[in-house]
Amino acid sequence: MKILKKVSLIILIAGYIIAGINHFINPQSYYRIMPPYLPFPVLLNILAGLFEILFATGLAFFRTRKLAAYGIILMLAAFSPIHITMIADAPLKLGSLLVTPLLAWGRLLLQPVLMLWAWWHRE
């Protein structure tokens, strides 16, 4: 179990670093899925990318792991309106990816799984 948890943590860290960097590589994809009632989409995208990278880095160190895990959980909860908007707007094109209603629902339902994954690594 110890090895599985260590590998899981490495995958989680890498995933959030890659996701965070993607906010800067493909910002248009994120602007496209933001609900229209959220102000300052450019700033929100930058902050989301920075916090994903920050929390991923925090997971790498035992002293900051718990705070980073809780940060990821709160961040994922804050992203829920975006995933709900994706469902309402589906089908939509994000770069070369066609987001169908089924894919959008799957992404929303993945949120609790990702929250539990971060929760598992809080200690």
N, C-alpha and C. Protein backbone atom coordinates (compact mmCIF):
# COMPACT_ATOMS: atom_id res chain seq x y z
N MET A 1 0.82 -1.20 0.00
CA MET A 1 0.00 0.00 0.00
C MET A 1 0.87 1.26 0.00
N LYS A 2 2.01 1.20 0.66
CA LYS A 2 2.89 2.35 0.73
C LYS A 2 3.39 2.76 -0.66
N ILE A 3 3.75 1.77 -1.47
CA ILE A 3 4.24 2.06 -2.82
C ILE A 3 3.10 2.60 -3.67
N LEU A 4 1.92 2.02 -3.57
CA LEU A 4 0.76 2.49 -4.32
C LEU A 4 0.45 3.95 -3.98
N LYS A 5 0.50 4.30 -2.70
CA LYS A 5 0.21 5.66 -2.28
C LYS A 5 1.28 6.62 -2.79
N LYS A 6 2.52 6.20 -2.79
CA LYS A 6 3.60 7.06 -3.29
C LYS A 6 3.46 7.29 -4.79
N VAL A 7 3.16 6.24 -5.53
CA VAL A 7 2.96 6.37 -6.98
C VAL A 7 1.74 7.25 -7.24
N SER A 8 0.68 7.05 -6.49
CA SER A 8 -0.53 7.86 -6.63
C SER A 8 -0.23 9.33 -6.38
N LEU A 9 0.57 9.62 -5.37
CA LEU A 9 0.93 11.00 -5.06
C LEU A 9 1.74 11.63 -6.20
N ILE A 10 2.67 10.89 -6.75
CA ILE A 10 3.47 11.39 -7.87
C ILE A 10 2.58 11.70 -9.07
N ILE A 11 1.64 10.81 -9.35
CA ILE A 11 0.71 11.03 -10.47
C ILE A 11 -0.15 12.27 -10.21
N LEU A 12 -0.62 12.41 -8.97
CA LEU A 12 -1.44 13.56 -8.60
C LEU A 12 -0.66 14.86 -8.77
N ILE A 13 0.56 14.89 -8.28
CA ILE A 13 1.41 16.07 -8.40
C ILE A 13 1.65 16.41 -9.87
N ALA A 14 2.06 15.41 -10.63
CA ALA A 14 2.33 15.63 -12.06
C ALA A 14 1.08 16.11 -12.79
N GLY A 15 -0.06 15.52 -12.47
CA GLY A 15 -1.31 15.89 -13.12
C GLY A 15 -1.68 17.35 -12.89
N TYR A 16 -1.53 17.80 -11.65
CA TYR A 16 -1.88 19.20 -11.36
C TYR A 16 -0.85 20.17 -11.91
N ILE A 17 0.41 19.79 -11.96
CA ILE A 17 1.41 20.66 -12.58
C ILE A 17 1.12 20.80 -14.07
N ILE A 18 0.84 19.68 -14.73
CA ILE A 18 0.52 19.71 -16.17
C ILE A 18 -0.76 20.51 -16.41
N ALA A 19 -1.78 20.28 -15.58
CA ALA A 19 -3.04 21.02 -15.73
C ALA A 19 -2.80 22.52 -15.52
N GLY A 20 -1.99 22.87 -14.54
CA GLY A 20 -1.70 24.27 -14.28
C GLY A 20 -0.96 24.93 -15.43
N ILE A 21 0.02 24.25 -15.97
CA ILE A 21 0.77 24.77 -17.11
C ILE A 21 -0.14 24.92 -18.32
N ASN A 22 -1.08 24.00 -18.48
CA ASN A 22 -2.00 24.06 -19.62
C ASN A 22 -2.85 25.34 -19.62
N HIS A 23 -3.09 25.91 -18.45
CA HIS A 23 -3.83 27.17 -18.38
C HIS A 23 -3.09 28.29 -19.12
N PHE A 24 -1.77 28.18 -19.19
CA PHE A 24 -0.97 29.21 -19.86
C PHE A 24 -0.69 28.86 -21.32
N ILE A 25 -0.71 27.57 -21.64
CA ILE A 25 -0.47 27.14 -23.02
C ILE A 25 -1.74 27.27 -23.87
N ASN A 26 -2.88 26.91 -23.29
CA ASN A 26 -4.16 26.93 -24.01
C ASN A 26 -5.22 27.76 -23.28
N PRO A 27 -4.97 29.03 -23.05
CA PRO A 27 -5.93 29.80 -22.25
C PRO A 27 -7.30 29.94 -22.91
N GLN A 28 -7.36 29.96 -24.24
CA GLN A 28 -8.64 30.12 -24.93
C GLN A 28 -9.63 29.01 -24.57
N SER A 29 -9.12 27.81 -24.37
CA SER A 29 -9.99 26.69 -24.00
C SER A 29 -10.68 26.95 -22.66
N TYR A 30 -9.96 27.59 -21.76
CA TYR A 30 -10.53 27.86 -20.44
C TYR A 30 -11.50 29.03 -20.48
N TYR A 31 -11.19 30.05 -21.30
CA TYR A 31 -12.12 31.17 -21.43
C TYR A 31 -13.45 30.68 -21.98
N ARG A 32 -13.39 29.71 -22.88
CA ARG A 32 -14.58 29.19 -23.56
C ARG A 32 -15.55 28.50 -22.59
N ILE A 33 -15.02 27.91 -21.52
CA ILE A 33 -15.88 27.15 -20.60
C ILE A 33 -16.26 27.93 -19.34
N MET A 34 -15.74 29.13 -19.20
CA MET A 34 -16.10 29.92 -18.00
C MET A 34 -17.52 30.45 -18.11
N PRO A 35 -18.28 30.34 -17.04
CA PRO A 35 -19.63 30.91 -17.06
C PRO A 35 -19.55 32.42 -17.32
N PRO A 36 -20.48 32.95 -18.09
CA PRO A 36 -20.42 34.37 -18.46
C PRO A 36 -20.57 35.32 -17.27
N TYR A 37 -21.11 34.84 -16.15
CA TYR A 37 -21.29 35.72 -14.99
C TYR A 37 -20.01 35.88 -14.17
N LEU A 38 -18.97 35.12 -14.48
CA LEU A 38 -17.70 35.28 -13.77
C LEU A 38 -16.90 36.42 -14.40
N PRO A 39 -16.50 37.40 -13.59
CA PRO A 39 -15.75 38.52 -14.16
C PRO A 39 -14.27 38.16 -14.35
N PHE A 40 -13.60 38.92 -15.18
CA PHE A 40 -12.16 38.82 -15.37
C PHE A 40 -11.67 37.42 -15.72
N PRO A 41 -12.15 36.85 -16.83
CA PRO A 41 -11.76 35.48 -17.18
C PRO A 41 -10.25 35.28 -17.36
N VAL A 42 -9.55 36.29 -17.86
CA VAL A 42 -8.10 36.15 -18.04
C VAL A 42 -7.43 36.00 -16.68
N LEU A 43 -7.78 36.85 -15.74
CA LEU A 43 -7.21 36.79 -14.40
C LEU A 43 -7.59 35.48 -13.71
N LEU A 44 -8.85 35.07 -13.82
CA LEU A 44 -9.28 33.81 -13.19
C LEU A 44 -8.51 32.62 -13.76
N ASN A 45 -8.27 32.62 -15.06
CA ASN A 45 -7.51 31.53 -15.68
C ASN A 45 -6.08 31.51 -15.16
N ILE A 46 -5.46 32.68 -15.06
CA ILE A 46 -4.09 32.76 -14.55
C ILE A 46 -4.04 32.26 -13.11
N LEU A 47 -4.98 32.71 -12.28
CA LEU A 47 -5.02 32.28 -10.88
C LEU A 47 -5.24 30.77 -10.76
N ALA A 48 -6.14 30.23 -11.59
CA ALA A 48 -6.40 28.78 -11.55
C ALA A 48 -5.13 28.02 -11.89
N GLY A 49 -4.43 28.45 -12.93
CA GLY A 49 -3.19 27.78 -13.30
C GLY A 49 -2.13 27.88 -12.22
N LEU A 50 -1.97 29.07 -11.65
CA LEU A 50 -0.98 29.26 -10.59
C LEU A 50 -1.31 28.42 -9.36
N PHE A 51 -2.58 28.41 -8.97
CA PHE A 51 -2.95 27.63 -7.78
C PHE A 51 -2.81 26.13 -8.01
N GLU A 52 -3.11 25.66 -9.22
CA GLU A 52 -2.90 24.24 -9.50
C GLU A 52 -1.42 23.88 -9.34
N ILE A 53 -0.55 24.71 -9.87
CA ILE A 53 0.89 24.47 -9.75
C ILE A 53 1.34 24.60 -8.29
N LEU A 54 0.84 25.62 -7.60
CA LEU A 54 1.20 25.84 -6.19
C LEU A 54 0.76 24.66 -5.32
N PHE A 55 -0.47 24.22 -5.48
CA PHE A 55 -0.96 23.10 -4.67
C PHE A 55 -0.23 21.81 -5.00
N ALA A 56 0.07 21.59 -6.27
CA ALA A 56 0.82 20.39 -6.66
C ALA A 56 2.19 20.40 -6.01
N THR A 57 2.83 21.56 -6.02
CA THR A 57 4.15 21.68 -5.38
C THR A 57 4.02 21.45 -3.88
N GLY A 58 2.96 21.97 -3.28
CA GLY A 58 2.73 21.77 -1.85
C GLY A 58 2.53 20.31 -1.49
N LEU A 59 1.94 19.54 -2.40
CA LEU A 59 1.76 18.10 -2.14
C LEU A 59 3.09 17.36 -2.06
N ALA A 60 4.11 17.91 -2.69
CA ALA A 60 5.41 17.24 -2.75
C ALA A 60 6.14 17.24 -1.41
N PHE A 61 5.74 18.11 -0.50
CA PHE A 61 6.44 18.25 0.77
C PHE A 61 5.52 17.88 1.92
N PHE A 62 6.00 17.06 2.83
CA PHE A 62 5.18 16.58 3.92
C PHE A 62 4.59 17.72 4.75
N ARG A 63 5.38 18.77 5.00
CA ARG A 63 4.93 19.87 5.86
C ARG A 63 3.78 20.67 5.25
N THR A 64 3.68 20.70 3.93
CA THR A 64 2.63 21.48 3.27
C THR A 64 1.57 20.61 2.61
N ARG A 65 1.73 19.30 2.71
CA ARG A 65 0.84 18.37 1.99
C ARG A 65 -0.62 18.53 2.42
N LYS A 66 -0.87 18.63 3.71
CA LYS A 66 -2.26 18.71 4.19
C LYS A 66 -2.93 19.98 3.67
N LEU A 67 -2.27 21.11 3.78
CA LEU A 67 -2.82 22.37 3.30
C LEU A 67 -3.04 22.32 1.79
N ALA A 68 -2.09 21.75 1.07
CA ALA A 68 -2.22 21.64 -0.39
C ALA A 68 -3.39 20.74 -0.77
N ALA A 69 -3.56 19.64 -0.06
CA ALA A 69 -4.68 18.73 -0.35
C ALA A 69 -6.02 19.43 -0.13
N TYR A 70 -6.13 20.16 0.98
CA TYR A 70 -7.37 20.90 1.24
C TYR A 70 -7.56 22.00 0.20
N GLY A 71 -6.47 22.62 -0.23
CA GLY A 71 -6.55 23.63 -1.28
C GLY A 71 -7.08 23.05 -2.58
N ILE A 72 -6.62 21.88 -2.93
CA ILE A 72 -7.09 21.20 -4.15
C ILE A 72 -8.58 20.89 -4.03
N ILE A 73 -9.00 20.41 -2.88
CA ILE A 73 -10.41 20.08 -2.68
C ILE A 73 -11.28 21.33 -2.83
N LEU A 74 -10.87 22.42 -2.21
CA LEU A 74 -11.63 23.67 -2.33
C LEU A 74 -11.62 24.20 -3.76
N MET A 75 -10.48 24.08 -4.42
CA MET A 75 -10.37 24.53 -5.80
C MET A 75 -11.31 23.73 -6.70
N LEU A 76 -11.33 22.42 -6.51
CA LEU A 76 -12.23 21.58 -7.31
C LEU A 76 -13.69 21.94 -7.07
N ALA A 77 -14.03 22.23 -5.83
CA ALA A 77 -15.40 22.66 -5.52
C ALA A 77 -15.70 23.99 -6.23
N ALA A 78 -14.74 24.89 -6.23
CA ALA A 78 -14.93 26.19 -6.88
C ALA A 78 -15.08 26.04 -8.40
N PHE A 79 -14.49 25.00 -8.97
CA PHE A 79 -14.59 24.77 -10.42
C PHE A 79 -15.92 24.14 -10.83
N SER A 80 -16.73 23.72 -9.88
CA SER A 80 -18.00 23.06 -10.22
C SER A 80 -18.90 23.87 -11.15
N PRO A 81 -19.06 25.19 -10.94
CA PRO A 81 -19.90 25.95 -11.88
C PRO A 81 -19.40 25.88 -13.33
N ILE A 82 -18.10 25.78 -13.50
CA ILE A 82 -17.54 25.66 -14.84
C ILE A 82 -17.98 24.35 -15.48
N HIS A 83 -17.96 23.28 -14.72
CA HIS A 83 -18.35 21.98 -15.26
C HIS A 83 -19.85 21.92 -15.52
N ILE A 84 -20.63 22.61 -14.72
CA ILE A 84 -22.07 22.68 -14.96
C ILE A 84 -22.34 23.48 -16.23
N THR A 85 -21.59 24.56 -16.43
CA THR A 85 -21.71 25.34 -17.66
C THR A 85 -21.35 24.50 -18.87
N MET A 86 -20.33 23.65 -18.73
CA MET A 86 -19.95 22.77 -19.84
C MET A 86 -21.09 21.84 -20.22
N ILE A 87 -21.81 21.35 -19.23
CA ILE A 87 -22.96 20.48 -19.51
C ILE A 87 -24.03 21.26 -20.28
N ALA A 88 -24.29 22.47 -19.82
CA ALA A 88 -25.32 23.30 -20.46
C ALA A 88 -24.93 23.69 -21.88
N ASP A 89 -23.64 23.89 -22.12
CA ASP A 89 -23.17 24.34 -23.44
C ASP A 89 -22.83 23.19 -24.39
N ALA A 90 -22.75 21.98 -23.88
CA ALA A 90 -22.36 20.83 -24.72
C ALA A 90 -23.42 20.56 -25.77
N PRO A 91 -23.02 20.13 -26.95
CA PRO A 91 -21.64 19.87 -27.37
C PRO A 91 -20.91 21.18 -27.69
N LEU A 92 -19.63 21.20 -27.33
CA LEU A 92 -18.80 22.35 -27.64
C LEU A 92 -17.40 21.88 -27.98
N LYS A 93 -16.70 22.69 -28.71
CA LYS A 93 -15.36 22.35 -29.17
C LYS A 93 -14.34 23.09 -28.31
N LEU A 94 -13.42 22.34 -27.71
CA LEU A 94 -12.31 22.91 -26.97
C LEU A 94 -11.03 22.49 -27.67
N GLY A 95 -10.51 23.36 -28.48
CA GLY A 95 -9.37 22.99 -29.30
C GLY A 95 -9.80 21.92 -30.28
N SER A 96 -9.12 20.79 -30.23
CA SER A 96 -9.48 19.67 -31.11
C SER A 96 -10.44 18.69 -30.44
N LEU A 97 -10.78 18.95 -29.17
CA LEU A 97 -11.65 18.05 -28.41
C LEU A 97 -13.11 18.48 -28.53
N LEU A 98 -13.96 17.55 -28.90
CA LEU A 98 -15.40 17.79 -28.90
C LEU A 98 -15.95 17.31 -27.55
N VAL A 99 -16.45 18.24 -26.77
CA VAL A 99 -17.02 17.91 -25.47
C VAL A 99 -18.51 17.64 -25.68
N THR A 100 -18.87 16.38 -25.61
CA THR A 100 -20.27 15.97 -25.74
C THR A 100 -20.95 16.10 -24.37
N PRO A 101 -22.28 16.07 -24.34
CA PRO A 101 -22.95 16.11 -23.03
C PRO A 101 -22.47 14.97 -22.11
N LEU A 102 -22.29 13.78 -22.66
CA LEU A 102 -21.82 12.66 -21.85
C LEU A 102 -20.43 12.93 -21.27
N LEU A 103 -19.54 13.46 -22.07
CA LEU A 103 -18.20 13.79 -21.61
C LEU A 103 -18.25 14.88 -20.54
N ALA A 104 -19.11 15.88 -20.74
CA ALA A 104 -19.24 16.97 -19.76
C ALA A 104 -19.78 16.44 -18.43
N TRP A 105 -20.77 15.55 -18.49
CA TRP A 105 -21.29 14.93 -17.26
C TRP A 105 -20.21 14.09 -16.58
N GLY A 106 -19.46 13.34 -17.38
CA GLY A 106 -18.37 12.53 -16.83
C GLY A 106 -17.34 13.39 -16.11
N ARG A 107 -17.04 14.53 -16.69
CA ARG A 107 -16.06 15.44 -16.08
C ARG A 107 -16.58 15.99 -14.76
N LEU A 108 -17.87 16.34 -14.71
CA LEU A 108 -18.46 16.83 -13.46
C LEU A 108 -18.45 15.73 -12.40
N LEU A 109 -18.80 14.52 -12.79
CA LEU A 109 -18.85 13.41 -11.83
C LEU A 109 -17.44 12.97 -11.39
N LEU A 110 -16.44 13.36 -12.15
CA LEU A 110 -15.06 13.06 -11.78
C LEU A 110 -14.58 13.94 -10.62
N GLN A 111 -15.22 15.10 -10.43
CA GLN A 111 -14.82 16.03 -9.39
C GLN A 111 -14.75 15.38 -8.00
N PRO A 112 -15.80 14.67 -7.55
CA PRO A 112 -15.70 14.04 -6.23
C PRO A 112 -14.58 13.00 -6.14
N VAL A 113 -14.32 12.30 -7.23
CA VAL A 113 -13.22 11.32 -7.23
C VAL A 113 -11.90 12.04 -7.04
N LEU A 114 -11.72 13.14 -7.74
CA LEU A 114 -10.48 13.91 -7.60
C LEU A 114 -10.36 14.50 -6.19
N MET A 115 -11.49 14.91 -5.62
CA MET A 115 -11.48 15.41 -4.24
C MET A 115 -11.05 14.33 -3.26
N LEU A 116 -11.60 13.14 -3.44
CA LEU A 116 -11.23 12.02 -2.56
C LEU A 116 -9.76 11.63 -2.73
N TRP A 117 -9.27 11.72 -3.96
CA TRP A 117 -7.87 11.42 -4.22
C TRP A 117 -6.97 12.40 -3.46
N ALA A 118 -7.29 13.68 -3.52
CA ALA A 118 -6.52 14.67 -2.77
C ALA A 118 -6.66 14.43 -1.26
N TRP A 119 -7.86 14.11 -0.82
CA TRP A 119 -8.11 13.84 0.59
C TRP A 119 -7.24 12.67 1.09
N TRP A 120 -7.10 11.65 0.26
CA TRP A 120 -6.29 10.47 0.62
C TRP A 120 -4.84 10.87 0.90
N HIS A 121 -4.38 11.91 0.25
CA HIS A 121 -2.98 12.33 0.39
C HIS A 121 -2.79 13.48 1.37
N ARG A 122 -3.79 13.77 2.16
CA ARG A 122 -3.68 14.91 3.09
C ARG A 122 -2.71 14.63 4.23
N GLU A 123 -2.35 13.38 4.47
CA GLU A 123 -1.44 13.05 5.56
C GLU A 123 -0.23 12.30 5.07
